[in-house]
N, C-alpha and C. Protein backbone atom coordinates (compact mmCIF):
# COMPACT_ATOMS: atom_id res chain seq x y z
N UNK A 1 1.19 -1.41 -0.31
CA UNK A 1 -0.33 0.01 0.15
C UNK A 1 1.19 1.59 -0.03
N UNK A 2 0.86 2.42 -0.85
CA UNK A 2 1.66 3.38 -0.94
C UNK A 2 1.05 4.22 0.02
N UNK A 3 2.35 5.09 0.20
CA UNK A 3 1.99 6.44 1.55
C UNK A 3 0.56 6.77 1.23
N UNK A 4 0.46 7.56 -0.24
CA UNK A 4 -0.59 8.37 -0.96
C UNK A 4 -2.01 7.32 -0.21
N UNK A 5 -1.94 6.55 -0.59
CA UNK A 5 -3.39 5.17 -0.31
C UNK A 5 -3.21 5.38 0.86
N UNK A 6 -2.30 5.18 1.64
CA UNK A 6 -2.62 4.58 3.25
C UNK A 6 -3.16 5.84 4.04
N UNK A 7 -2.71 7.25 3.55
CA UNK A 7 -3.15 8.56 3.85
C UNK A 7 -4.63 8.26 3.34
N UNK A 8 -5.04 7.77 2.77
CA UNK A 8 -6.69 7.96 2.43
C UNK A 8 -6.63 9.35 1.65
N UNK A 9 -5.94 9.70 0.87
CA UNK A 9 -6.25 11.15 0.08
C UNK A 9 -6.98 10.73 -1.01
N UNK A 10 -7.68 9.87 -1.42
CA UNK A 10 -8.38 9.70 -2.23
C UNK A 10 -9.99 10.12 -1.80
N UNK A 11 -10.49 10.77 -3.02
CA UNK A 11 -11.33 11.49 -2.53
C UNK A 11 -12.88 10.71 -1.34
N UNK A 12 -13.44 11.30 -0.39
CA UNK A 12 -14.40 10.14 0.20
C UNK A 12 -13.62 9.76 1.41
N UNK A 13 -12.66 9.36 1.74
CA UNK A 13 -12.10 8.62 2.46
C UNK A 13 -11.78 9.53 4.15
N UNK A 14 -12.38 10.87 4.08
CA UNK A 14 -11.51 11.22 5.54
C UNK A 14 -12.93 10.91 6.79
N UNK A 15 -12.50 11.05 8.02
CA UNK A 15 -13.11 10.49 8.65
C UNK A 15 -13.68 11.56 9.41
N UNK A 16 -14.63 11.68 10.23
CA UNK A 16 -14.77 13.01 11.23
C UNK A 16 -13.47 12.79 12.22
N UNK A 17 -13.13 13.84 13.01
CA UNK A 17 -12.08 13.88 13.85
C UNK A 17 -12.89 13.21 15.06
N UNK A 18 -12.91 12.65 15.62
CA UNK A 18 -12.85 11.87 17.67
C UNK A 18 -11.83 11.78 18.41
N UNK A 19 -10.89 11.85 18.35
CA UNK A 19 -9.35 11.48 18.76
C UNK A 19 -9.10 12.91 18.71
N UNK A 20 -8.73 13.98 19.68
CA UNK A 20 -7.69 15.68 19.26
C UNK A 20 -7.67 15.21 20.68
N UNK A 21 -6.35 16.27 20.85
CA UNK A 21 -5.77 16.84 22.01
C UNK A 21 -6.73 17.10 23.13
N UNK A 22 -6.42 16.43 24.19
CA UNK A 22 -7.47 16.78 25.63
C UNK A 22 -8.32 15.66 25.99
N UNK A 23 -8.29 14.62 24.79
CA UNK A 23 -8.74 13.57 25.20
C UNK A 23 -7.70 12.58 25.62
N UNK A 24 -8.48 11.30 26.70
CA UNK A 24 -7.59 10.36 27.05
C UNK A 24 -7.00 9.74 26.32
N UNK A 25 -5.59 8.91 26.58
CA UNK A 25 -5.09 7.96 26.22
C UNK A 25 -6.17 6.77 25.14
N UNK A 26 -7.23 6.16 26.11
CA UNK A 26 -7.96 5.15 25.64
C UNK A 26 -8.56 5.65 24.39
N UNK A 27 -8.99 7.16 24.85
CA UNK A 27 -10.14 7.77 24.12
C UNK A 27 -9.19 7.48 22.78
N UNK A 28 -8.01 8.37 22.68
CA UNK A 28 -7.46 8.43 21.30
C UNK A 28 -7.25 7.15 20.80
N UNK A 29 -6.11 6.23 21.72
CA UNK A 29 -5.81 4.63 20.62
C UNK A 29 -7.12 4.09 20.24
N UNK A 30 -8.86 4.29 20.91
CA UNK A 30 -9.60 3.64 20.28
C UNK A 30 -9.85 4.02 18.86
N UNK A 31 -9.98 5.83 19.04
CA UNK A 31 -9.90 5.98 17.68
C UNK A 31 -8.96 5.73 16.64
N UNK A 32 -7.45 5.69 16.93
CA UNK A 32 -6.12 5.36 16.44
C UNK A 32 -6.49 4.22 15.20
N UNK A 33 -7.05 2.90 16.30
CA UNK A 33 -7.75 1.56 15.45
C UNK A 33 -8.93 1.63 15.17
N UNK A 34 -9.52 2.21 14.78
CA UNK A 34 -10.67 2.98 13.86
C UNK A 34 -10.18 4.09 12.79
N UNK A 35 -9.67 4.12 12.91
CA UNK A 35 -9.43 5.45 11.56
C UNK A 35 -8.28 4.42 10.31
N UNK A 36 -9.18 4.50 9.29
CA UNK A 36 -8.33 3.99 8.13
C UNK A 36 -7.06 4.40 7.74
N UNK A 37 -7.27 5.89 7.73
CA UNK A 37 -6.01 6.23 7.76
C UNK A 37 -4.71 6.21 8.10
N UNK A 38 -5.09 5.73 9.28
CA UNK A 38 -4.18 5.89 10.94
C UNK A 38 -3.45 4.31 10.87
N UNK A 39 -4.50 3.78 10.97
CA UNK A 39 -4.55 1.82 11.73
C UNK A 39 -3.25 1.53 12.26
N UNK A 40 -3.17 1.81 13.55
CA UNK A 40 -1.78 1.05 14.08
C UNK A 40 -1.57 -0.50 13.80
N UNK A 41 -0.46 -0.54 13.54
CA UNK A 41 0.26 -2.15 13.43
C UNK A 41 -0.08 -3.14 14.45
N UNK A 42 0.38 -4.10 14.85
CA UNK A 42 0.20 -5.15 15.90
C UNK A 42 0.98 -4.38 16.91
N UNK A 43 2.00 -4.07 16.94
CA UNK A 43 2.69 -3.66 18.17
C UNK A 43 2.86 -1.93 18.45
N UNK A 44 1.71 -1.31 17.61
CA UNK A 44 1.94 0.33 17.77
C UNK A 44 0.58 0.50 18.59
N UNK A 45 0.59 1.45 19.23
CA UNK A 45 -0.84 2.14 20.37
C UNK A 45 -0.51 3.31 19.43
N UNK A 46 0.11 4.28 20.25
CA UNK A 46 0.06 5.55 19.94
C UNK A 46 1.03 6.39 19.15
N UNK A 47 2.18 5.30 18.57
CA UNK A 47 2.97 5.86 17.40
C UNK A 47 2.69 4.87 16.47
N UNK A 48 2.23 5.30 15.04
CA UNK A 48 2.29 4.75 14.25
C UNK A 48 3.35 5.17 12.87
N UNK A 49 4.07 3.85 12.50
CA UNK A 49 4.87 4.27 11.47
C UNK A 49 4.86 3.47 10.23
N UNK A 50 4.48 4.10 8.95
CA UNK A 50 4.17 3.51 7.53
C UNK A 50 5.32 3.83 6.42
N UNK A 51 5.58 2.68 6.01
CA UNK A 51 6.72 3.10 5.25
C UNK A 51 6.68 2.27 4.08
N UNK A 52 6.65 2.81 2.74
CA UNK A 52 6.65 2.25 1.36
C UNK A 52 8.33 1.78 1.10
N UNK A 53 9.25 2.40 1.59
CA UNK A 53 10.52 2.49 1.12
C UNK A 53 11.24 3.36 2.06
N UNK A 54 12.69 3.25 2.28
CA UNK A 54 13.56 4.40 2.46
C UNK A 54 13.10 5.83 2.49
N UNK A 55 12.84 5.88 0.76
CA UNK A 55 12.55 7.42 0.44
C UNK A 55 10.91 7.80 0.50
N UNK A 56 9.99 6.96 1.51
CA UNK A 56 9.09 7.45 1.50
C UNK A 56 8.41 6.98 3.19
N UNK A 57 8.09 7.68 3.61
CA UNK A 57 7.74 7.24 5.25
C UNK A 57 6.73 8.36 6.16
N UNK A 58 5.88 7.81 6.50
CA UNK A 58 4.58 8.58 7.59
C UNK A 58 4.25 7.80 8.53
N UNK A 59 4.50 9.02 9.86
CA UNK A 59 4.35 8.50 10.86
C UNK A 59 2.98 9.61 11.87
N UNK A 60 2.30 9.01 12.87
CA UNK A 60 1.38 9.61 13.44
C UNK A 60 1.82 9.76 14.77
N UNK A 61 1.87 10.62 15.71
CA UNK A 61 2.17 10.30 17.15
C UNK A 61 0.82 11.15 17.64
N UNK A 62 0.18 10.64 18.80
CA UNK A 62 -0.48 11.15 19.92
C UNK A 62 0.58 10.92 21.09
N UNK A 63 0.55 12.44 21.80
CA UNK A 63 1.74 12.28 23.01
C UNK A 63 0.89 13.36 24.34
N UNK A 64 1.80 12.54 25.18
CA UNK A 64 1.10 13.45 26.91
C UNK A 64 1.67 14.59 26.53
N UNK A 65 2.69 15.19 26.29
CA UNK A 65 3.47 15.65 26.27
C UNK A 65 3.23 17.22 25.21
N UNK A 66 3.37 18.46 25.59
CA UNK A 66 3.73 19.75 25.34
C UNK A 66 3.94 19.41 24.04
N UNK A 67 3.77 20.34 23.26
CA UNK A 67 5.01 19.83 21.43
C UNK A 67 6.20 20.96 21.78
N UNK A 68 7.32 20.23 21.55
CA UNK A 68 8.35 21.30 21.43
C UNK A 68 9.03 20.21 22.29
N UNK A 69 10.08 20.61 23.49
CA UNK A 69 10.91 20.13 24.03
C UNK A 69 10.00 19.37 25.56
N UNK A 70 10.79 18.54 25.59
CA UNK A 70 10.00 17.98 27.06
C UNK A 70 10.84 18.88 28.22
N UNK A 71 9.15 19.01 29.08
CA UNK A 71 9.66 19.88 30.30
C UNK A 71 9.80 19.33 31.29
N UNK A 72 10.06 19.81 32.49
CA UNK A 72 9.36 18.72 33.65
C UNK A 72 7.84 19.35 33.41
N UNK A 73 7.08 18.65 34.30
CA UNK A 73 5.66 19.35 34.65
C UNK A 73 4.31 19.14 33.16
N UNK A 74 5.23 19.13 31.80
CA UNK A 74 4.45 19.32 30.65
C UNK A 74 3.72 17.92 30.46
N UNK A 75 3.64 16.92 31.69
CA UNK A 75 2.85 16.23 31.24
C UNK A 75 1.55 15.88 31.76
N UNK A 76 -0.15 15.86 30.85
CA UNK A 76 -0.94 15.89 31.02
C UNK A 76 -2.13 14.98 31.62
N UNK A 77 -1.22 14.03 32.71
CA UNK A 77 -2.10 13.71 33.68
C UNK A 77 -3.53 12.67 32.97
N UNK A 78 -2.57 11.40 31.93
CA UNK A 78 -3.51 10.79 31.17
C UNK A 78 -4.48 11.54 29.69
N UNK A 79 -3.81 12.59 29.71
CA UNK A 79 -4.79 13.09 28.64
C UNK A 79 -3.90 13.64 27.36
N UNK A 80 -4.02 13.44 26.11
CA UNK A 80 -3.60 13.79 25.27
C UNK A 80 -2.90 15.26 24.86
N UNK A 81 -1.53 15.71 24.93
CA UNK A 81 -1.90 17.06 24.99
C UNK A 81 -1.34 17.63 23.32
N UNK A 82 -0.72 16.72 22.35
CA UNK A 82 -0.71 16.88 20.76
C UNK A 82 -0.45 15.91 19.83
N UNK A 83 -1.03 15.84 18.28
CA UNK A 83 -0.68 14.48 17.56
C UNK A 83 -0.17 15.23 16.71
N UNK A 84 1.12 14.68 16.19
CA UNK A 84 2.05 15.08 15.12
C UNK A 84 2.09 14.13 14.08
N UNK A 85 1.67 14.41 12.78
CA UNK A 85 1.61 13.90 11.52
C UNK A 85 3.52 14.37 10.52
N UNK A 86 4.26 13.49 10.42
CA UNK A 86 4.96 13.84 9.60
C UNK A 86 5.24 12.67 8.56
N UNK A 87 5.34 13.50 7.34
CA UNK A 87 5.68 13.06 6.13
C UNK A 87 7.20 12.91 5.90
N UNK A 88 7.88 11.93 4.90
CA UNK A 88 8.89 11.96 4.65
C UNK A 88 9.04 11.71 3.08
N UNK A 89 9.00 12.68 2.00
CA UNK A 89 8.93 11.78 0.60
C UNK A 89 9.84 11.90 -0.17
N UNK A 90 11.06 11.41 -0.45
CA UNK A 90 12.16 12.04 -1.78
C UNK A 90 12.01 12.01 -2.92
N UNK A 91 10.49 10.82 -3.28
CA UNK A 91 10.02 10.41 -4.71
C UNK A 91 9.16 12.11 -4.93
N UNK A 92 8.44 12.15 -4.39
CA UNK A 92 7.51 13.60 -4.48
C UNK A 92 7.20 14.36 -3.83
N UNK A 93 8.18 14.71 -2.90
CA UNK A 93 8.63 15.78 -2.07
C UNK A 93 7.24 15.93 -1.19
N UNK A 94 7.45 17.14 -0.24
CA UNK A 94 6.18 17.50 1.03
C UNK A 94 6.45 19.05 0.64
N UNK A 95 5.20 19.09 1.00
CA UNK A 95 4.69 20.57 0.62
C UNK A 95 3.74 20.49 1.41
N UNK A 96 3.46 21.90 2.06
CA UNK A 96 2.34 22.50 3.02
C UNK A 96 1.35 22.09 2.62
N UNK A 97 1.05 21.79 1.19
CA UNK A 97 -0.14 21.66 0.90
C UNK A 97 -0.91 20.14 1.08
N UNK A 98 0.42 19.50 0.47
CA UNK A 98 0.56 17.88 0.88
C UNK A 98 0.12 18.20 2.64
N UNK A 99 0.62 18.25 3.71
CA UNK A 99 0.80 18.25 4.74
C UNK A 99 -0.70 18.72 5.44
N UNK A 100 -1.35 19.44 4.60
CA UNK A 100 -2.93 20.00 5.01
C UNK A 100 -3.83 19.34 4.23
N UNK A 101 -3.78 18.60 3.17
CA UNK A 101 -4.53 17.31 2.65
C UNK A 101 -4.03 16.20 3.32
N UNK A 102 -3.36 15.92 4.10
CA UNK A 102 -2.88 14.78 4.80
C UNK A 102 -3.88 14.99 6.55
N UNK A 103 -3.82 16.55 6.87
CA UNK A 103 -5.02 16.91 7.69
C UNK A 103 -5.69 16.46 7.58
N UNK A 104 -6.44 16.33 6.77
CA UNK A 104 -7.96 16.71 6.24
C UNK A 104 -8.04 15.25 6.40
N UNK A 105 -7.01 14.29 5.91
CA UNK A 105 -7.75 12.70 5.39
C UNK A 105 -7.63 12.11 6.71
N UNK A 106 -6.99 12.57 8.00
CA UNK A 106 -6.77 12.08 8.94
C UNK A 106 -8.34 12.83 9.97
N UNK A 107 -8.38 13.64 10.12
CA UNK A 107 -9.61 14.58 10.84
C UNK A 107 -10.53 14.94 10.32
N UNK A 108 -10.72 15.16 8.98
CA UNK A 108 -11.81 15.30 8.54
C UNK A 108 -12.12 16.80 8.84
N UNK A 109 -13.43 17.20 8.00
CA UNK A 109 -13.75 18.88 7.56
C UNK A 109 -13.87 19.82 8.65
N UNK A 110 -14.01 19.50 10.23
CA UNK A 110 -13.90 20.47 11.01
C UNK A 110 -12.80 21.12 11.56
N UNK A 111 -11.76 19.67 11.79
CA UNK A 111 -10.59 20.39 12.12
C UNK A 111 -9.92 21.32 10.53
N UNK A 112 -10.33 20.31 9.51
CA UNK A 112 -9.54 21.33 8.53
C UNK A 112 -9.78 22.81 8.10
N UNK A 113 -10.89 22.78 8.88
CA UNK A 113 -11.76 24.48 8.80
C UNK A 113 -11.30 24.87 9.74
N UNK A 114 -11.20 24.39 10.95
CA UNK A 114 -10.23 25.02 11.68
C UNK A 114 -8.97 25.62 11.64
N UNK A 115 -8.22 25.18 10.86
CA UNK A 115 -6.66 24.87 10.14
C UNK A 115 -6.69 26.26 9.41
N UNK A 116 -7.28 25.78 8.51
CA UNK A 116 -7.89 26.96 7.70
C UNK A 116 -8.00 28.20 8.05
N UNK A 117 -8.65 28.52 8.87
CA UNK A 117 -9.41 29.80 9.60
C UNK A 117 -8.16 30.31 10.91
N UNK A 118 -7.67 29.20 11.12
CA UNK A 118 -6.22 29.54 11.72
C UNK A 118 -5.58 31.14 11.54
N UNK A 119 -5.19 31.66 12.98
CA UNK A 119 -4.67 33.00 12.61
C UNK A 119 -2.97 32.90 13.30
N UNK A 120 -2.59 32.80 12.11
CA UNK A 120 -0.93 32.61 12.09
C UNK A 120 -0.35 33.93 13.48
N UNK A 121 0.45 32.73 14.18
CA UNK A 121 1.08 33.54 15.37
C UNK A 121 2.51 34.02 15.24
N UNK A 122 2.50 32.99 14.81
CA UNK A 122 4.65 33.16 14.23
C UNK A 122 5.05 32.34 12.58
N UNK A 123 5.45 32.97 12.11
CA UNK A 123 6.35 32.32 10.85
C UNK A 123 7.58 32.63 10.50
N UNK A 124 8.14 31.75 9.80
CA UNK A 124 9.79 31.29 10.08
C UNK A 124 9.77 30.85 8.63
N UNK A 125 10.87 31.38 8.38
CA UNK A 125 12.08 31.83 9.09
C UNK A 125 12.06 33.60 8.50
N UNK A 126 12.20 34.09 9.82
CA UNK A 126 11.99 35.90 9.16
C UNK A 126 14.11 36.13 8.90
N UNK A 127 13.62 37.42 8.12
CA UNK A 127 14.99 37.59 7.98
C UNK A 127 16.00 37.94 8.60
N UNK A 128 16.17 37.98 9.96
CA UNK A 128 16.92 37.74 10.71
C UNK A 128 17.45 36.41 10.80
N UNK A 129 16.65 35.75 10.94
CA UNK A 129 16.67 34.16 11.27
C UNK A 129 17.73 33.51 10.28
N UNK A 130 17.11 34.22 8.86
CA UNK A 130 18.02 33.67 8.07
C UNK A 130 19.87 34.23 7.75
N UNK A 131 20.05 35.06 8.47
CA UNK A 131 20.83 36.07 8.63
C UNK A 131 21.76 35.33 9.68
N UNK A 132 21.35 35.22 10.75
CA UNK A 132 21.94 34.19 11.87
C UNK A 132 22.45 33.19 11.16
N UNK A 133 21.97 32.48 10.50
CA UNK A 133 22.24 30.97 9.96
C UNK A 133 23.19 31.24 8.72
N UNK A 134 23.41 32.31 8.41
CA UNK A 134 24.43 32.26 7.46
C UNK A 134 25.55 33.09 8.07
N UNK A 135 25.67 33.43 9.06
CA UNK A 135 26.67 34.00 10.00
C UNK A 135 27.71 33.08 10.68
N UNK A 136 26.27 32.24 11.15
CA UNK A 136 26.69 31.27 12.50
C UNK A 136 27.13 29.61 11.60
N UNK A 137 27.31 29.97 10.00
CA UNK A 137 26.53 28.78 9.61
C UNK A 137 26.06 27.26 10.01
N UNK A 138 24.60 27.89 10.04
CA UNK A 138 23.79 26.84 10.88
C UNK A 138 22.64 26.77 9.92
N UNK A 139 22.68 26.05 8.46
CA UNK A 139 22.07 26.30 7.78
C UNK A 139 20.81 26.01 8.06
N UNK A 140 20.49 24.88 8.98
CA UNK A 140 18.85 23.93 9.23
C UNK A 140 17.90 25.66 9.74
N UNK A 141 18.88 27.12 10.33
CA UNK A 141 17.69 27.96 10.71
C UNK A 141 17.11 28.22 9.12
N UNK A 142 17.86 28.45 8.48
CA UNK A 142 16.97 28.71 7.15
C UNK A 142 16.68 27.91 6.32
N UNK A 143 16.48 26.51 6.59
CA UNK A 143 16.01 25.37 6.17
C UNK A 143 14.33 24.97 6.51
N UNK A 144 14.49 25.36 7.60
CA UNK A 144 12.94 25.15 8.44
C UNK A 144 12.03 26.49 8.27
N UNK A 145 11.15 25.83 7.23
CA UNK A 145 9.63 27.18 7.07
C UNK A 145 8.55 26.59 7.93
N UNK A 146 8.05 27.29 8.53
CA UNK A 146 6.88 27.03 9.27
C UNK A 146 5.78 27.91 9.33
N UNK A 147 4.85 27.58 10.38
CA UNK A 147 3.98 28.81 11.40
C UNK A 147 3.20 27.91 12.23
N UNK A 148 3.13 28.63 13.32
CA UNK A 148 2.40 28.28 14.29
C UNK A 148 1.63 29.28 14.20
N UNK A 149 -0.14 28.03 13.98
CA UNK A 149 -1.42 29.08 13.91
C UNK A 149 -2.32 28.73 14.89
N UNK A 150 -2.98 29.58 15.67
CA UNK A 150 -4.12 29.61 16.45
C UNK A 150 -5.94 29.38 15.80
N UNK A 151 -6.15 28.19 16.01
CA UNK A 151 -7.62 28.23 15.49
C UNK A 151 -8.76 28.34 16.70
N UNK A 152 -10.10 28.30 16.25
CA UNK A 152 -10.85 28.06 17.70
C UNK A 152 -10.97 27.21 18.62
N UNK A 153 -10.95 26.25 17.86
CA UNK A 153 -10.67 25.11 18.84
C UNK A 153 -9.39 24.40 18.74
N UNK A 154 -8.07 24.59 17.98
CA UNK A 154 -6.84 23.91 18.96
C UNK A 154 -5.94 25.10 18.18
N UNK A 155 -4.59 24.82 18.37
CA UNK A 155 -3.86 25.06 17.75
C UNK A 155 -2.59 24.20 16.87
N UNK A 156 -2.40 25.05 15.76
CA UNK A 156 -1.41 24.53 14.79
C UNK A 156 0.17 24.30 14.84
N UNK A 157 0.68 23.73 14.34
CA UNK A 157 2.24 24.18 14.47
C UNK A 157 2.55 22.73 12.91
N UNK A 158 3.18 24.12 11.53
CA UNK A 158 3.44 23.08 10.51
C UNK A 158 4.47 23.42 9.94
N UNK A 159 5.23 22.94 9.95
CA UNK A 159 6.88 22.91 9.71
C UNK A 159 7.49 22.09 8.10
N UNK A 160 8.00 22.45 7.38
CA UNK A 160 8.27 22.07 6.35
C UNK A 160 10.44 21.92 6.06
N UNK A 161 10.83 21.51 6.00
CA UNK A 161 12.41 21.20 6.19
C UNK A 161 13.04 21.17 4.59
N UNK A 162 13.43 22.35 4.04
CA UNK A 162 14.07 22.47 2.55
C UNK A 162 15.28 22.21 2.30
N UNK A 163 16.18 21.97 1.78
CA UNK A 163 17.27 21.94 1.05
C UNK A 163 17.68 23.08 0.38
N UNK A 164 19.22 23.26 0.33
CA UNK A 164 19.76 24.69 -0.39
C UNK A 164 19.01 24.90 -1.19
N UNK A 165 18.75 23.87 -1.75
CA UNK A 165 18.30 23.73 -3.44
C UNK A 165 16.71 24.36 -3.47
N UNK A 166 16.00 24.42 -1.93
CA UNK A 166 14.62 24.66 -2.15
C UNK A 166 13.77 23.34 -2.19
N UNK A 167 14.55 22.48 -2.03
CA UNK A 167 13.23 21.08 -2.37
C UNK A 167 13.20 20.88 -1.09
N UNK A 168 11.44 20.37 -0.61
CA UNK A 168 11.43 19.90 0.31
C UNK A 168 11.00 18.66 0.35
N UNK A 169 11.59 17.53 1.33
CA UNK A 169 11.20 15.63 1.39
C UNK A 169 11.13 15.81 2.87
N UNK A 170 10.66 16.67 4.05
CA UNK A 170 10.13 16.55 4.59
C UNK A 170 9.13 17.60 5.50
N UNK A 171 8.36 17.09 6.18
CA UNK A 171 7.92 18.13 6.96
C UNK A 171 6.90 17.21 8.37
N UNK A 172 5.84 18.35 8.99
CA UNK A 172 5.25 17.77 9.98
C UNK A 172 3.90 18.92 10.05
N UNK A 173 2.50 18.32 10.65
CA UNK A 173 2.05 19.15 11.34
C UNK A 173 1.15 18.71 12.27
N UNK A 174 1.60 19.80 13.53
CA UNK A 174 1.31 19.54 15.07
C UNK A 174 -0.28 19.86 15.33
N UNK A 175 -1.33 19.10 15.82
CA UNK A 175 -2.34 19.66 16.65
C UNK A 175 -1.98 19.72 18.07
N UNK A 176 -2.53 20.90 18.25
CA UNK A 176 -1.89 21.06 20.25
C UNK A 176 -3.29 21.82 20.48
N UNK A 177 -2.80 21.84 22.25
CA UNK A 177 -4.22 22.79 22.59
C UNK A 177 -3.06 24.16 23.04
N UNK A 178 -4.50 25.24 22.81
CA UNK A 178 -3.95 26.35 23.15
C UNK A 178 -2.66 26.73 24.16
N UNK A 179 -3.10 26.25 25.39
CA UNK A 179 -2.71 26.38 26.64
C UNK A 179 -1.13 26.64 26.31
N UNK A 180 -0.08 25.89 25.39
CA UNK A 180 1.01 25.13 24.68
C UNK A 180 1.35 26.33 23.82
N UNK A 181 0.65 27.44 23.16
CA UNK A 181 0.95 28.09 21.96
C UNK A 181 2.76 28.56 22.96
N UNK A 182 2.14 29.70 23.72
CA UNK A 182 3.46 30.15 24.21
C UNK A 182 4.87 29.33 24.43
N UNK A 183 4.93 28.47 25.03
CA UNK A 183 5.82 27.78 25.18
C UNK A 183 6.73 27.34 23.80
N UNK A 184 5.71 26.61 23.13
CA UNK A 184 6.18 26.22 21.85
C UNK A 184 6.83 27.37 20.87
N UNK A 185 5.74 28.55 20.89
CA UNK A 185 6.23 29.75 20.48
C UNK A 185 7.88 30.46 20.58
N UNK A 186 8.15 30.66 22.00
CA UNK A 186 9.45 30.73 22.53
C UNK A 186 10.42 29.79 22.19
N UNK A 187 10.14 28.26 22.02
CA UNK A 187 11.12 27.57 21.76
C UNK A 187 11.41 27.37 20.27
N UNK A 188 10.57 27.93 19.42
CA UNK A 188 10.89 27.83 17.79
C UNK A 188 11.68 29.18 17.64
N UNK A 189 11.10 30.38 18.50
CA UNK A 189 11.88 31.66 18.10
C UNK A 189 13.32 31.64 18.72
N UNK A 190 13.87 30.87 19.52
CA UNK A 190 14.91 31.05 20.14
C UNK A 190 15.97 29.79 19.91
N UNK A 191 15.48 29.02 18.63
CA UNK A 191 16.28 27.77 17.82
C UNK A 191 18.04 28.84 17.65
């Protein structure tokens, strides 16, 4: 099964979101098992990894921790704090549009509309970040392109890594709770 087909990217395969940040581990695990896009393997529960080859990979992870770096006290007491979808594709590349398509495939129309209407909180890289990356010989600073957005229901973090030639082979989109926006924004700004 190809990565595109495993993401249910064909019309009509999206399912309404029932597992979202803020729900219990048991609720999210049950939703993941029933979601045709994610469907965990035998030994998978909150982390799912699919691969067609070394050149194409998909992962979906539900986490008890706030997005970004782990910090003391960021665990949620049995409730999911964020869900992250990651794509790696050397054959077809990864774009923001492709990540958004995967978001719709996994969560359905309601979350996709919330994402579409979400207000951008922070977009990067900035011109200052690119200049710092060049002067400090840290190409990753200008390679990571993304934004943090705040929707009515959830917050979103979209990030695509581009090569020096401008090609993007990997990216992620994270759905998380509003309470974690400030923490994540501070981390991304201070990379």
